[in-house]
Structure formats: structure tokens, C-alpha cells
């Protein structure tokens, strides 16, 4: 038996084994680090509840760590009554939704205040692109623009829009918002069903809509589930809002 050759084979085998074990260790550590980043600063009790009830985050989701100072918004609807669907005289390619400059070039002269709205891919559905009115770089979740498109010819054919004007609110004081890791605790504790998957957590403005000229919106975390259902959590008080404000916004 060639012991020299056998020794070389054994050394090579041990080296390969060490490489495989090292790679597996790196994967495990990397996975734990990524999971830690995704879950943010969730406390142990919340993590335990999520595990027991099968509540998790989608692979593309994470818990934001930002805590900016924000104040309430005051605004007015520019029109009353049901927001109507408006047909475009000339349909445009649906691909322009992914290019802001091209979108403005094609539809900026047709849709009022289009530059004030921003596309929200996760809130959009089949045949409808959803854009939200922006304020201070944050979306107003109750004020949206819907672009209707056809999958057959890949054309945007109509739109429906809620238009508002912001009102200066000198008495509104800015407050640092709660981190998302704390804001979602009451959702996990009382509202989310077993097996729920969180698709996205984002910060914007949301409020209860009233039958009055002036409306108010507070800094809010939107927690969007994989099934498309949104929850809104007041970013200062952590109060969960359950009413369907999006449907009511369409009436203006």
C-alpha cells in the first residue's frame, strides 16, 4: 500500500471537510445576522408571541429603525363627492410607472399635481397602479392616485385621483416617532391572525376621515400584510386604527 499517497488523500479530505464545515458555520452566522437586522429591536416577549402564532416577515421585509420627528398634517379636499374614473384620451405604455421622469413627461400635463404623488409598488394590485400624495417626503395613505391599466396591451387607460391642499398648522408640535419595533407590538399581541406574514412596514400619515372641509392625519406606521390587508399604528401613541379609511378617501 502506498502510505504516502494515502496520507495525501486523507489530508485533502480533512481540508475539504474543514472548508465545508467553515462554509456552513458562515451561513449560520450570516443568517442570524440577517434575521437580527430584519427583526430590529423586537423584545423577547414579542418574538416569542410571533413564533408561537406563526407570525413572520416576508423575505423582502424588515423592521425600520428610523425615528424622525414628525407633526400632524392638516389638509382639505379640493373636491367633494365620489372620485370618478377618468378615461385617457390617449392610453400610454404602462412601463412608464417605473420611470418617474417619463411618467411626468407622458401624463404630467393630463393628471393634476402628478409630481406630488409617488408610486407604491406593494400597495398596487392587478390592473391598478397606486400612487400616494407625498408630504415632507412621506406618503399620505388616505390620499391616492390610481392608474388603471390593461394587461392585454400593457397600456394605462384611465385614472382616479384624490386631490388635496395642505393647510399650515402652526400649532402642531413635532414629536419623535416610536420605532417600528415598538409600534407593532400591539398588532402582534391583539390584531394579527395566526400565520400572518408582514410584507412591509413603512412610515407616513394616516387619519380618520370626517365629513368636514378640514381633515387631519397623524404620523403612522403602515403594516402591510402579504394578503394585502393594511394596519395603521399611530406613530406617537401606538394606537391601532382599524377603520377602512382608504375606501372613504375615494369618496372625495
C-alpha atoms as a PDB file:
ATOM      1  CA  UNK A   1       0.000   0.000   0.000  1.00  0.00           C
ATOM      2  CA  UNK A   2       1.319   3.458  -0.906  1.00  0.00           C
ATOM      3  CA  UNK A   3       1.136   5.152   2.523  1.00  0.00           C
ATOM      4  CA  UNK A   4       2.477   8.402   1.160  1.00  0.00           C
ATOM      5  CA  UNK A   5      -0.371   8.625  -1.343  1.00  0.00           C
ATOM      6  CA  UNK A   6      -2.962   7.549   1.237  1.00  0.00           C
ATOM      7  CA  UNK A   7      -1.671  10.230   3.634  1.00  0.00           C
ATOM      8  CA  UNK A   8      -2.071  12.893   0.954  1.00  0.00           C
ATOM      9  CA  UNK A   9      -5.647  11.759   0.239  1.00  0.00           C
ATOM     10  CA  UNK A  10      -6.530  11.886   3.948  1.00  0.00           C
ATOM     11  CA  UNK A  11      -5.054  15.380   4.328  1.00  0.00           C
ATOM     12  CA  UNK A  12      -7.011  16.577   1.285  1.00  0.00           C
ATOM     13  CA  UNK A  13     -10.220  15.015   2.652  1.00  0.00           C
ATOM     14  CA  UNK A  14      -9.755  16.755   6.013  1.00  0.00           C
ATOM     15  CA  UNK A  15      -9.120  20.054   4.252  1.00  0.00           C
ATOM     16  CA  UNK A  16     -12.303  19.693   2.199  1.00  0.00           C
ATOM     17  CA  UNK A  17     -14.246  18.776   5.347  1.00  0.00           C
ATOM     18  CA  UNK A  18     -12.947  21.886   7.110  1.00  0.00           C
ATOM     19  CA  UNK A  19     -13.954  24.028   4.137  1.00  0.00           C
ATOM     20  CA  UNK A  20     -17.487  22.571   4.166  1.00  0.00           C
ATOM     21  CA  UNK A  21     -17.853  22.999   7.938  1.00  0.00           C
ATOM     22  CA  UNK A  22     -16.476  26.534   7.734  1.00  0.00           C
ATOM     23  CA  UNK A  23     -18.967  27.440   4.994  1.00  0.00           C
ATOM     24  CA  UNK A  24     -21.878  26.018   6.999  1.00  0.00           C
ATOM     25  CA  UNK A  25     -20.751  27.991  10.053  1.00  0.00           C
ATOM     26  CA  UNK A  26     -20.519  31.168   7.972  1.00  0.00           C
ATOM     27  CA  UNK A  27     -24.022  30.572   6.569  1.00  0.00           C
ATOM     28  CA  UNK A  28     -25.481  30.084  10.058  1.00  0.00           C
ATOM     29  CA  UNK A  29     -23.805  33.224  11.402  1.00  0.00           C
ATOM     30  CA  UNK A  30     -24.843  35.215   8.322  1.00  0.00           C
ATOM     31  CA  UNK A  31     -28.434  34.004   8.653  1.00  0.00           C
ATOM     32  CA  UNK A  32     -28.554  35.000  12.320  1.00  0.00           C
ATOM     33  CA  UNK A  33     -27.130  38.437  11.499  1.00  0.00           C
ATOM     34  CA  UNK A  34     -29.640  38.972   8.675  1.00  0.00           C
ATOM     35  CA  UNK A  35     -32.500  37.801  10.875  1.00  0.00           C
ATOM     36  CA  UNK A  36     -31.349  40.178  13.617  1.00  0.00           C
ATOM     37  CA  UNK A  37     -31.265  43.052  11.162  1.00  0.00           C
ATOM     38  CA  UNK A  38     -34.730  42.217   9.837  1.00  0.00           C
ATOM     39  CA  UNK A  39     -36.307  41.912  13.270  1.00  0.00           C
ATOM     40  CA  UNK A  40     -34.773  45.125  14.577  1.00  0.00           C
ATOM     41  CA  UNK A  41     -35.077  45.613  18.345  1.00  0.00           C
ATOM     42  CA  UNK A  42     -38.140  43.469  18.991  1.00  0.00           C
ATOM     43  CA  UNK A  43     -38.301  42.423  22.632  1.00  0.00           C
ATOM     44  CA  UNK A  44     -38.145  38.796  23.706  1.00  0.00           C
ATOM     45  CA  UNK A  45     -41.873  38.571  24.538  1.00  0.00           C
ATOM     46  CA  UNK A  46     -42.891  39.847  21.097  1.00  0.00           C
ATOM     47  CA  UNK A  47     -40.506  37.436  19.371  1.00  0.00           C
ATOM     48  CA  UNK A  48     -41.934  34.590  21.429  1.00  0.00           C
ATOM     49  CA  UNK A  49     -45.523  35.537  20.511  1.00  0.00           C
ATOM     50  CA  UNK A  50     -44.605  35.745  16.841  1.00  0.00           C
ATOM     51  CA  UNK A  51     -43.012  32.324  16.947  1.00  0.00           C
ATOM     52  CA  UNK A  52     -45.907  30.726  18.839  1.00  0.00           C
ATOM     53  CA  UNK A  53     -48.514  32.157  16.442  1.00  0.00           C
ATOM     54  CA  UNK A  54     -46.545  31.657  13.268  1.00  0.00           C
ATOM     55  CA  UNK A  55     -46.294  35.400  12.511  1.00  0.00           C
ATOM     56  CA  UNK A  56     -43.318  36.325  10.400  1.00  0.00           C
ATOM     57  CA  UNK A  57     -41.741  38.734   7.966  1.00  0.00           C
ATOM     58  CA  UNK A  58     -41.620  38.237   4.219  1.00  0.00           C
ATOM     59  CA  UNK A  59     -38.127  37.636   2.870  1.00  0.00           C
ATOM     60  CA  UNK A  60     -38.030  41.151   1.429  1.00  0.00           C
ATOM     61  CA  UNK A  61     -39.343  42.825   4.609  1.00  0.00           C
ATOM     62  CA  UNK A  62     -37.508  44.339   7.548  1.00  0.00           C
ATOM     63  CA  UNK A  63     -38.365  46.445  10.584  1.00  0.00           C
ATOM     64  CA  UNK A  64     -37.222  50.062  10.054  1.00  0.00           C
ATOM     65  CA  UNK A  65     -35.050  51.627  12.728  1.00  0.00           C
ATOM     66  CA  UNK A  66     -35.703  55.293  11.837  1.00  0.00           C
ATOM     67  CA  UNK A  67     -37.328  57.557  14.441  1.00  0.00           C
ATOM     68  CA  UNK A  68     -37.650  61.014  12.840  1.00  0.00           C
ATOM     69  CA  UNK A  69     -39.542  63.939  14.341  1.00  0.00           C
ATOM     70  CA  UNK A  70     -42.910  64.448  12.638  1.00  0.00           C
ATOM     71  CA  UNK A  71     -46.000  66.594  13.196  1.00  0.00           C
ATOM     72  CA  UNK A  72     -49.670  66.153  12.356  1.00  0.00           C
ATOM     73  CA  UNK A  73     -50.911  67.229   8.932  1.00  0.00           C
ATOM     74  CA  UNK A  74     -53.930  69.408   8.214  1.00  0.00           C
ATOM     75  CA  UNK A  75     -55.389  69.377   4.713  1.00  0.00           C
ATOM     76  CA  UNK A  76     -58.506  69.978   2.629  1.00  0.00           C
ATOM     77  CA  UNK A  77     -60.006  68.030  -0.240  1.00  0.00           C
ATOM     78  CA  UNK A  78     -60.125  70.041  -3.448  1.00  0.00           C
ATOM     79  CA  UNK A  79     -63.398  68.422  -4.481  1.00  0.00           C
ATOM     80  CA  UNK A  80     -66.294  66.698  -2.776  1.00  0.00           C
ATOM     81  CA  UNK A  81     -68.284  63.641  -3.689  1.00  0.00           C
ATOM     82  CA  UNK A  82     -67.186  60.390  -5.248  1.00  0.00           C
ATOM     83  CA  UNK A  83     -63.823  60.432  -7.014  1.00  0.00           C
ATOM     84  CA  UNK A  84     -64.602  59.467 -10.588  1.00  0.00           C
ATOM     85  CA  UNK A  85     -62.608  57.357 -13.012  1.00  0.00           C
ATOM     86  CA  UNK A  86     -61.317  59.490 -15.880  1.00  0.00           C
ATOM     87  CA  UNK A  87     -60.558  57.868 -19.250  1.00  0.00           C
ATOM     88  CA  UNK A  88     -57.379  58.943 -21.004  1.00  0.00           C
ATOM     89  CA  UNK A  89     -57.865  60.315 -24.499  1.00  0.00           C
ATOM     90  CA  UNK A  90     -54.649  58.582 -25.469  1.00  0.00           C
ATOM     91  CA  UNK A  91     -53.556  55.483 -23.482  1.00  0.00           C
ATOM     92  CA  UNK A  92     -49.838  55.332 -22.598  1.00  0.00           C
ATOM     93  CA  UNK A  93     -47.432  52.460 -22.016  1.00  0.00           C
ATOM     94  CA  UNK A  94     -47.755  51.027 -18.515  1.00  0.00           C
ATOM     95  CA  UNK A  95     -43.963  50.647 -18.215  1.00  0.00           C
ATOM     96  CA  UNK A  96     -43.631  54.396 -17.572  1.00  0.00           C
ATOM     97  CA  UNK A  97     -44.771  53.828 -13.981  1.00  0.00           C
ATOM     98  CA  UNK A  98     -41.217  52.639 -13.247  1.00  0.00           C
ATOM     99  CA  UNK A  99     -39.608  55.816 -14.618  1.00  0.00           C
ATOM    100  CA  UNK A 100     -40.673  58.962 -12.767  1.00  0.00           C
ATOM    101  CA  UNK A 101     -39.367  61.344 -15.413  1.00  0.00           C
ATOM    102  CA  UNK A 102     -41.133  59.505 -18.215  1.00  0.00           C
ATOM    103  CA  UNK A 103     -44.324  59.256 -16.173  1.00  0.00           C
ATOM    104  CA  UNK A 104     -44.344  63.027 -15.701  1.00  0.00           C
ATOM    105  CA  UNK A 105     -43.492  63.601 -19.355  1.00  0.00           C
ATOM    106  CA  UNK A 106     -46.352  61.416 -20.556  1.00  0.00           C
ATOM    107  CA  UNK A 107     -49.064  62.238 -18.007  1.00  0.00           C
ATOM    108  CA  UNK A 108     -47.914  65.368 -16.172  1.00  0.00           C
ATOM    109  CA  UNK A 109     -49.984  67.561 -18.457  1.00  0.00           C
ATOM    110  CA  UNK A 110     -53.039  65.338 -18.062  1.00  0.00           C
ATOM    111  CA  UNK A 111     -53.240  64.424 -14.366  1.00  0.00           C
ATOM    112  CA  UNK A 112     -53.269  67.416 -11.953  1.00  0.00           C
ATOM    113  CA  UNK A 113     -50.423  67.648  -9.412  1.00  0.00           C
ATOM    114  CA  UNK A 114     -48.944  64.349 -10.640  1.00  0.00           C
ATOM    115  CA  UNK A 115     -45.489  65.357  -9.389  1.00  0.00           C
ATOM    116  CA  UNK A 116     -46.859  65.339  -5.824  1.00  0.00           C
ATOM    117  CA  UNK A 117     -47.642  61.601  -5.963  1.00  0.00           C
ATOM    118  CA  UNK A 118     -45.281  58.666  -5.638  1.00  0.00           C
ATOM    119  CA  UNK A 119     -45.701  55.098  -6.846  1.00  0.00           C
ATOM    120  CA  UNK A 120     -46.180  52.407  -4.181  1.00  0.00           C
ATOM    121  CA  UNK A 121     -45.492  49.035  -5.742  1.00  0.00           C
ATOM    122  CA  UNK A 122     -46.555  46.954  -2.736  1.00  0.00           C
ATOM    123  CA  UNK A 123     -49.929  48.717  -2.418  1.00  0.00           C
ATOM    124  CA  UNK A 124     -50.662  48.235  -6.111  1.00  0.00           C
ATOM    125  CA  UNK A 125     -52.789  45.373  -7.393  1.00  0.00           C
ATOM    126  CA  UNK A 126     -53.544  43.661 -10.690  1.00  0.00           C
ATOM    127  CA  UNK A 127     -54.585  46.287 -13.234  1.00  0.00           C
ATOM    128  CA  UNK A 128     -54.159  49.196 -10.781  1.00  0.00           C
ATOM    129  CA  UNK A 129     -51.017  51.188 -10.024  1.00  0.00           C
ATOM    130  CA  UNK A 130     -51.334  53.043  -6.683  1.00  0.00           C
ATOM    131  CA  UNK A 131     -49.552  56.329  -6.020  1.00  0.00           C
ATOM    132  CA  UNK A 132     -49.813  58.273  -2.753  1.00  0.00           C
ATOM    133  CA  UNK A 133     -49.756  62.033  -2.243  1.00  0.00           C
ATOM    134  CA  UNK A 134     -46.464  62.930  -0.594  1.00  0.00           C
ATOM    135  CA  UNK A 135     -45.934  65.416   2.241  1.00  0.00           C
ATOM    136  CA  UNK A 136     -42.449  66.110   3.527  1.00  0.00           C
ATOM    137  CA  UNK A 137     -41.179  63.042   1.713  1.00  0.00           C
ATOM    138  CA  UNK A 138     -43.749  60.768   3.399  1.00  0.00           C
ATOM    139  CA  UNK A 139     -46.867  59.203   1.847  1.00  0.00           C
ATOM    140  CA  UNK A 140     -50.373  60.271   2.866  1.00  0.00           C
ATOM    141  CA  UNK A 141     -52.042  56.861   2.964  1.00  0.00           C
ATOM    142  CA  UNK A 142     -55.550  58.357   2.696  1.00  0.00           C
ATOM    143  CA  UNK A 143     -54.820  60.369  -0.448  1.00  0.00           C
ATOM    144  CA  UNK A 144     -54.079  58.326  -3.528  1.00  0.00           C
ATOM    145  CA  UNK A 145     -53.976  58.303  -7.297  1.00  0.00           C
ATOM    146  CA  UNK A 146     -54.941  55.114  -9.106  1.00  0.00           C
ATOM    147  CA  UNK A 147     -53.765  54.409 -12.638  1.00  0.00           C
ATOM    148  CA  UNK A 148     -55.812  51.724 -14.363  1.00  0.00           C
ATOM    149  CA  UNK A 149     -54.007  49.620 -16.935  1.00  0.00           C
ATOM    150  CA  UNK A 150     -54.704  46.673 -19.212  1.00  0.00           C
ATOM    151  CA  UNK A 151     -52.546  43.561 -19.024  1.00  0.00           C
ATOM    152  CA  UNK A 152     -53.533  42.687 -22.571  1.00  0.00           C
ATOM    153  CA  UNK A 153     -51.996  45.672 -24.309  1.00  0.00           C
ATOM    154  CA  UNK A 154     -49.844  46.985 -21.426  1.00  0.00           C
ATOM    155  CA  UNK A 155     -51.451  50.428 -21.574  1.00  0.00           C
ATOM    156  CA  UNK A 156     -52.594  52.841 -18.859  1.00  0.00           C
ATOM    157  CA  UNK A 157     -56.126  53.712 -19.911  1.00  0.00           C
ATOM    158  CA  UNK A 158     -57.683  55.718 -17.045  1.00  0.00           C
ATOM    159  CA  UNK A 159     -57.074  57.234 -13.625  1.00  0.00           C
ATOM    160  CA  UNK A 160     -58.901  58.120 -10.413  1.00  0.00           C
ATOM    161  CA  UNK A 161     -57.469  60.760  -8.130  1.00  0.00           C
ATOM    162  CA  UNK A 162     -57.979  62.284  -4.714  1.00  0.00           C
ATOM    163  CA  UNK A 163     -56.693  65.869  -4.678  1.00  0.00           C
ATOM    164  CA  UNK A 164     -55.889  67.833  -1.536  1.00  0.00           C
ATOM    165  CA  UNK A 165     -54.239  71.031  -0.456  1.00  0.00           C
ATOM    166  CA  UNK A 166     -52.120  71.162   2.687  1.00  0.00           C
ATOM    167  CA  UNK A 167     -53.011  73.719   5.349  1.00  0.00           C
ATOM    168  CA  UNK A 168     -50.396  75.352   7.543  1.00  0.00           C
ATOM    169  CA  UNK A 169     -50.798  74.195  11.128  1.00  0.00           C
ATOM    170  CA  UNK A 170     -48.598  76.398  13.262  1.00  0.00           C
ATOM    171  CA  UNK A 171     -49.879  74.850  16.480  1.00  0.00           C
ATOM    172  CA  UNK A 172     -48.816  71.338  15.508  1.00  0.00           C
ATOM    173  CA  UNK A 173     -45.775  70.292  17.514  1.00  0.00           C
ATOM    174  CA  UNK A 174     -43.243  67.845  16.139  1.00  0.00           C
ATOM    175  CA  UNK A 175     -42.558  64.667  18.125  1.00  0.00           C
ATOM    176  CA  UNK A 176     -40.091  61.846  17.682  1.00  0.00           C
ATOM    177  CA  UNK A 177     -41.985  58.824  16.408  1.00  0.00           C
ATOM    178  CA  UNK A 178     -41.945  55.449  18.084  1.00  0.00           C
ATOM    179  CA  UNK A 179     -39.611  52.937  16.489  1.00  0.00           C
ATOM    180  CA  UNK A 180     -41.436  50.393  14.348  1.00  0.00           C
ATOM    181  CA  UNK A 181     -40.269  47.605  16.671  1.00  0.00           C
ATOM    182  CA  UNK A 182     -42.406  49.106  19.451  1.00  0.00           C
ATOM    183  CA  UNK A 183     -45.306  50.223  17.275  1.00  0.00           C
ATOM    184  CA  UNK A 184     -46.044  46.716  16.007  1.00  0.00           C
ATOM    185  CA  UNK A 185     -46.193  45.169  19.497  1.00  0.00           C
ATOM    186  CA  UNK A 186     -49.964  45.809  19.952  1.00  0.00           C
ATOM    187  CA  UNK A 187     -50.583  44.374  16.475  1.00  0.00           C
ATOM    188  CA  UNK A 188     -48.787  41.142  17.291  1.00  0.00           C
ATOM    189  CA  UNK A 189     -50.459  40.999  20.703  1.00  0.00           C
ATOM    190  CA  UNK A 190     -54.092  41.604  19.693  1.00  0.00           C
ATOM    191  CA  UNK A 191     -54.733  42.049  15.993  1.00  0.00           C
ATOM    192  CA  UNK A 192     -52.674  39.842  13.689  1.00  0.00           C
ATOM    193  CA  UNK A 193     -54.080  36.418  12.928  1.00  0.00           C
ATOM    194  CA  UNK A 194     -52.037  33.256  13.249  1.00  0.00           C
ATOM    195  CA  UNK A 195     -49.839  32.677  10.250  1.00  0.00           C
ATOM    196  CA  UNK A 196     -49.841  36.349   9.211  1.00  0.00           C
ATOM    197  CA  UNK A 197     -46.887  37.432   7.087  1.00  0.00           C
ATOM    198  CA  UNK A 198     -45.780  41.077   7.210  1.00  0.00           C
ATOM    199  CA  UNK A 199     -44.844  42.270   3.724  1.00  0.00           C
ATOM    200  CA  UNK A 200     -43.768  45.796   4.591  1.00  0.00           C
ATOM    201  CA  UNK A 201     -43.613  48.370   7.389  1.00  0.00           C
ATOM    202  CA  UNK A 202     -43.449  51.998   6.278  1.00  0.00           C
ATOM    203  CA  UNK A 203     -43.865  55.427   7.838  1.00  0.00           C
ATOM    204  CA  UNK A 204     -46.315  58.027   6.562  1.00  0.00           C
ATOM    205  CA  UNK A 205     -49.544  59.816   7.509  1.00  0.00           C
ATOM    206  CA  UNK A 206     -52.977  58.419   8.257  1.00  0.00           C
ATOM    207  CA  UNK A 207     -56.130  59.666   9.949  1.00  0.00           C
ATOM    208  CA  UNK A 208     -59.824  59.102  10.356  1.00  0.00           C
ATOM    209  CA  UNK A 209     -61.762  60.860   7.635  1.00  0.00           C
ATOM    210  CA  UNK A 210     -64.596  63.150   8.727  1.00  0.00           C
ATOM    211  CA  UNK A 211     -67.471  64.730   6.850  1.00  0.00           C
ATOM    212  CA  UNK A 212     -65.915  68.160   7.080  1.00  0.00           C
ATOM    213  CA  UNK A 213     -63.842  70.524   4.974  1.00  0.00           C
ATOM    214  CA  UNK A 214     -60.701  70.142   7.064  1.00  0.00           C
ATOM    215  CA  UNK A 215     -59.034  66.776   7.616  1.00  0.00           C
ATOM    216  CA  UNK A 216     -56.216  65.667   9.899  1.00  0.00           C
ATOM    217  CA  UNK A 217     -53.570  62.988   9.514  1.00  0.00           C
ATOM    218  CA  UNK A 218     -51.079  61.785  12.099  1.00  0.00           C
ATOM    219  CA  UNK A 219     -47.675  60.177  11.695  1.00  0.00           C
ATOM    220  CA  UNK A 220     -48.425  56.479  11.337  1.00  0.00           C
ATOM    221  CA  UNK A 221     -46.719  53.204  10.662  1.00  0.00           C
ATOM    222  CA  UNK A 222     -48.432  51.205   7.932  1.00  0.00           C
ATOM    223  CA  UNK A 223     -48.047  47.468   8.420  1.00  0.00           C
ATOM    224  CA  UNK A 224     -48.925  45.758   5.146  1.00  0.00           C
ATOM    225  CA  UNK A 225     -49.644  42.034   5.228  1.00  0.00           C
ATOM    226  CA  UNK A 226     -48.879  39.597   2.438  1.00  0.00           C
ATOM    227  CA  UNK A 227     -52.619  39.142   1.838  1.00  0.00           C
ATOM    228  CA  UNK A 228     -52.866  42.860   1.042  1.00  0.00           C
ATOM    229  CA  UNK A 229     -54.538  43.917   4.302  1.00  0.00           C
ATOM    230  CA  UNK A 230     -53.083  47.094   5.864  1.00  0.00           C
ATOM    231  CA  UNK A 231     -52.964  48.052   9.528  1.00  0.00           C
ATOM    232  CA  UNK A 232     -52.149  51.576  10.687  1.00  0.00           C
ATOM    233  CA  UNK A 233     -50.442  52.269  14.009  1.00  0.00           C
ATOM    234  CA  UNK A 234     -50.248  55.819  15.386  1.00  0.00           C
ATOM    235  CA  UNK A 235     -46.512  56.521  15.452  1.00  0.00           C
ATOM    236  CA  UNK A 236     -46.711  58.538  18.688  1.00  0.00           C
ATOM    237  CA  UNK A 237     -49.304  56.724  20.818  1.00  0.00           C
ATOM    238  CA  UNK A 238     -49.081  53.233  19.237  1.00  0.00           C
ATOM    239  CA  UNK A 239     -52.886  53.193  18.911  1.00  0.00           C
ATOM    240  CA  UNK A 240     -54.069  50.780  16.213  1.00  0.00           C
ATOM    241  CA  UNK A 241     -56.578  52.179  13.710  1.00  0.00           C
ATOM    242  CA  UNK A 242     -58.912  49.582  12.204  1.00  0.00           C
ATOM    243  CA  UNK A 243     -61.393  51.549  10.109  1.00  0.00           C
ATOM    244  CA  UNK A 244     -61.192  51.361   6.319  1.00  0.00           C
ATOM    245  CA  UNK A 245     -60.035  54.869   5.608  1.00  0.00           C
ATOM    246  CA  UNK A 246     -58.865  54.052   2.085  1.00  0.00           C
ATOM    247  CA  UNK A 247     -62.416  53.381   0.916  1.00  0.00           C
ATOM    248  CA  UNK A 248     -63.649  56.590   2.478  1.00  0.00           C
ATOM    249  CA  UNK A 249     -60.919  58.608   0.774  1.00  0.00           C
ATOM    250  CA  UNK A 250     -62.258  57.553  -2.615  1.00  0.00           C
ATOM    251  CA  UNK A 251     -65.439  59.473  -1.885  1.00  0.00           C
ATOM    252  CA  UNK A 252     -63.661  62.813  -2.185  1.00  0.00           C
END
